[in-house]
């Protein structure tokens, strides 16, 4: 079971990191939606950092939760249209 948790944690960390790299802010700078996109991106980046901290502490449960929450922020932003994202592949559910 520990190996499954470790593999899933690694997979979700990669997923979040790739999603952050692939997404681009869609709204025009200076608009409220642009500001929202910045906040969503910041939340996802914070969860990525938190997850890496938890992994360094051998707390895989909280690391996986952090990576999952971070990806949720990115995926929600993609669904709302505040991020331009690839529509093919495994990164987003749009």
Protein backbone atom coordinates (compact mmCIF):
# COMPACT_ATOMS: atom_id res chain seq x y z
CA UNK A 1 0.00 0.00 0.00
CA UNK A 2 2.85 2.42 0.78
CA UNK A 3 4.25 1.89 -2.72
CA UNK A 4 0.83 2.76 -4.20
CA UNK A 5 0.66 5.95 -2.14
CA UNK A 6 4.17 6.92 -3.17
CA UNK A 7 3.44 6.30 -6.88
CA UNK A 8 0.18 8.26 -6.72
CA UNK A 9 1.87 11.14 -4.88
CA UNK A 10 4.60 11.28 -7.53
CA UNK A 11 2.01 11.19 -10.31
CA UNK A 12 -0.07 14.00 -8.83
CA UNK A 13 2.99 16.16 -8.23
CA UNK A 14 3.95 15.79 -11.90
CA UNK A 15 0.35 16.46 -12.96
CA UNK A 16 0.19 19.72 -10.99
CA UNK A 17 3.64 20.88 -12.13
CA UNK A 18 2.77 20.14 -15.77
CA UNK A 19 -0.61 21.88 -15.44
CA UNK A 20 1.07 25.00 -14.07
CA UNK A 21 3.54 24.97 -16.97
CA UNK A 22 0.86 24.39 -19.60
CA UNK A 23 -1.73 26.95 -18.47
CA UNK A 24 -1.65 30.54 -19.63
CA UNK A 25 -3.76 33.32 -18.20
CA UNK A 26 -6.54 34.08 -20.67
CA UNK A 27 -8.18 37.36 -19.53
CA UNK A 28 -6.72 40.73 -20.37
CA UNK A 29 -4.30 42.13 -17.82
CA UNK A 30 -5.87 44.62 -15.44
CA UNK A 31 -9.32 43.02 -15.47
CA UNK A 32 -10.95 41.34 -12.47
CA UNK A 33 -10.75 37.96 -14.23
CA UNK A 34 -7.03 38.44 -14.77
CA UNK A 35 -6.65 39.06 -11.04
CA UNK A 36 -8.69 35.93 -10.32
CA UNK A 37 -6.42 33.90 -12.61
CA UNK A 38 -3.37 35.18 -10.74
CA UNK A 39 -4.96 34.11 -7.45
CA UNK A 40 -5.84 30.65 -8.78
CA UNK A 41 -2.30 30.22 -10.08
CA UNK A 42 -0.84 31.39 -6.77
CA UNK A 43 -3.00 28.92 -4.84
CA UNK A 44 -1.90 26.06 -7.09
CA UNK A 45 1.77 27.03 -6.75
CA UNK A 46 1.39 27.23 -2.97
CA UNK A 47 -0.14 23.76 -2.85
CA UNK A 48 2.73 22.46 -5.00
CA UNK A 49 5.24 23.92 -2.54
CA UNK A 50 3.28 22.57 0.43
CA UNK A 51 3.10 19.12 -1.13
CA UNK A 52 6.84 19.08 -1.70
CA UNK A 53 7.40 20.12 1.91
CA UNK A 54 5.13 17.33 3.15
CA UNK A 55 6.92 14.80 0.93
CA UNK A 56 10.29 15.93 2.33
CA UNK A 57 8.83 15.23 5.77
CA UNK A 58 7.70 11.74 4.61
CA UNK A 59 4.05 12.78 5.01
CA UNK A 60 2.74 11.32 1.77
CA UNK A 61 -0.93 11.61 2.70
CA UNK A 62 -0.76 15.38 3.10
CA UNK A 63 1.58 15.69 0.11
CA UNK A 64 -0.95 13.90 -2.09
CA UNK A 65 -3.79 16.02 -0.71
CA UNK A 66 -1.83 19.20 -1.43
CA UNK A 67 -1.00 18.19 -4.99
CA UNK A 68 -4.63 17.20 -5.57
CA UNK A 69 -6.02 20.46 -4.19
CA UNK A 70 -3.54 22.45 -6.26
CA UNK A 71 -4.57 20.68 -9.42
CA UNK A 72 -8.21 21.29 -8.51
CA UNK A 73 -7.55 25.04 -8.53
CA UNK A 74 -5.94 24.80 -11.98
CA UNK A 75 -8.68 22.59 -13.38
CA UNK A 76 -11.40 24.88 -12.01
CA UNK A 77 -9.69 27.88 -13.59
CA UNK A 78 -9.49 26.06 -16.91
CA UNK A 79 -13.20 25.21 -16.76
CA UNK A 80 -14.05 28.85 -15.97
CA UNK A 81 -12.00 30.01 -18.93
CA UNK A 82 -9.45 32.03 -16.98
CA UNK A 83 -6.67 29.75 -18.24
CA UNK A 84 -5.92 28.73 -21.78
CA UNK A 85 -4.99 25.07 -21.59
CA UNK A 86 -4.43 22.15 -23.93
CA UNK A 87 -7.71 20.39 -24.64
CA UNK A 88 -6.03 17.10 -25.51
CA UNK A 89 -4.21 14.95 -23.03
CA UNK A 90 -4.45 14.20 -19.34
CA UNK A 91 -3.82 17.56 -17.66
CA UNK A 92 -7.32 19.05 -17.59
CA UNK A 93 -10.93 17.88 -17.69
CA UNK A 94 -12.19 20.62 -20.05
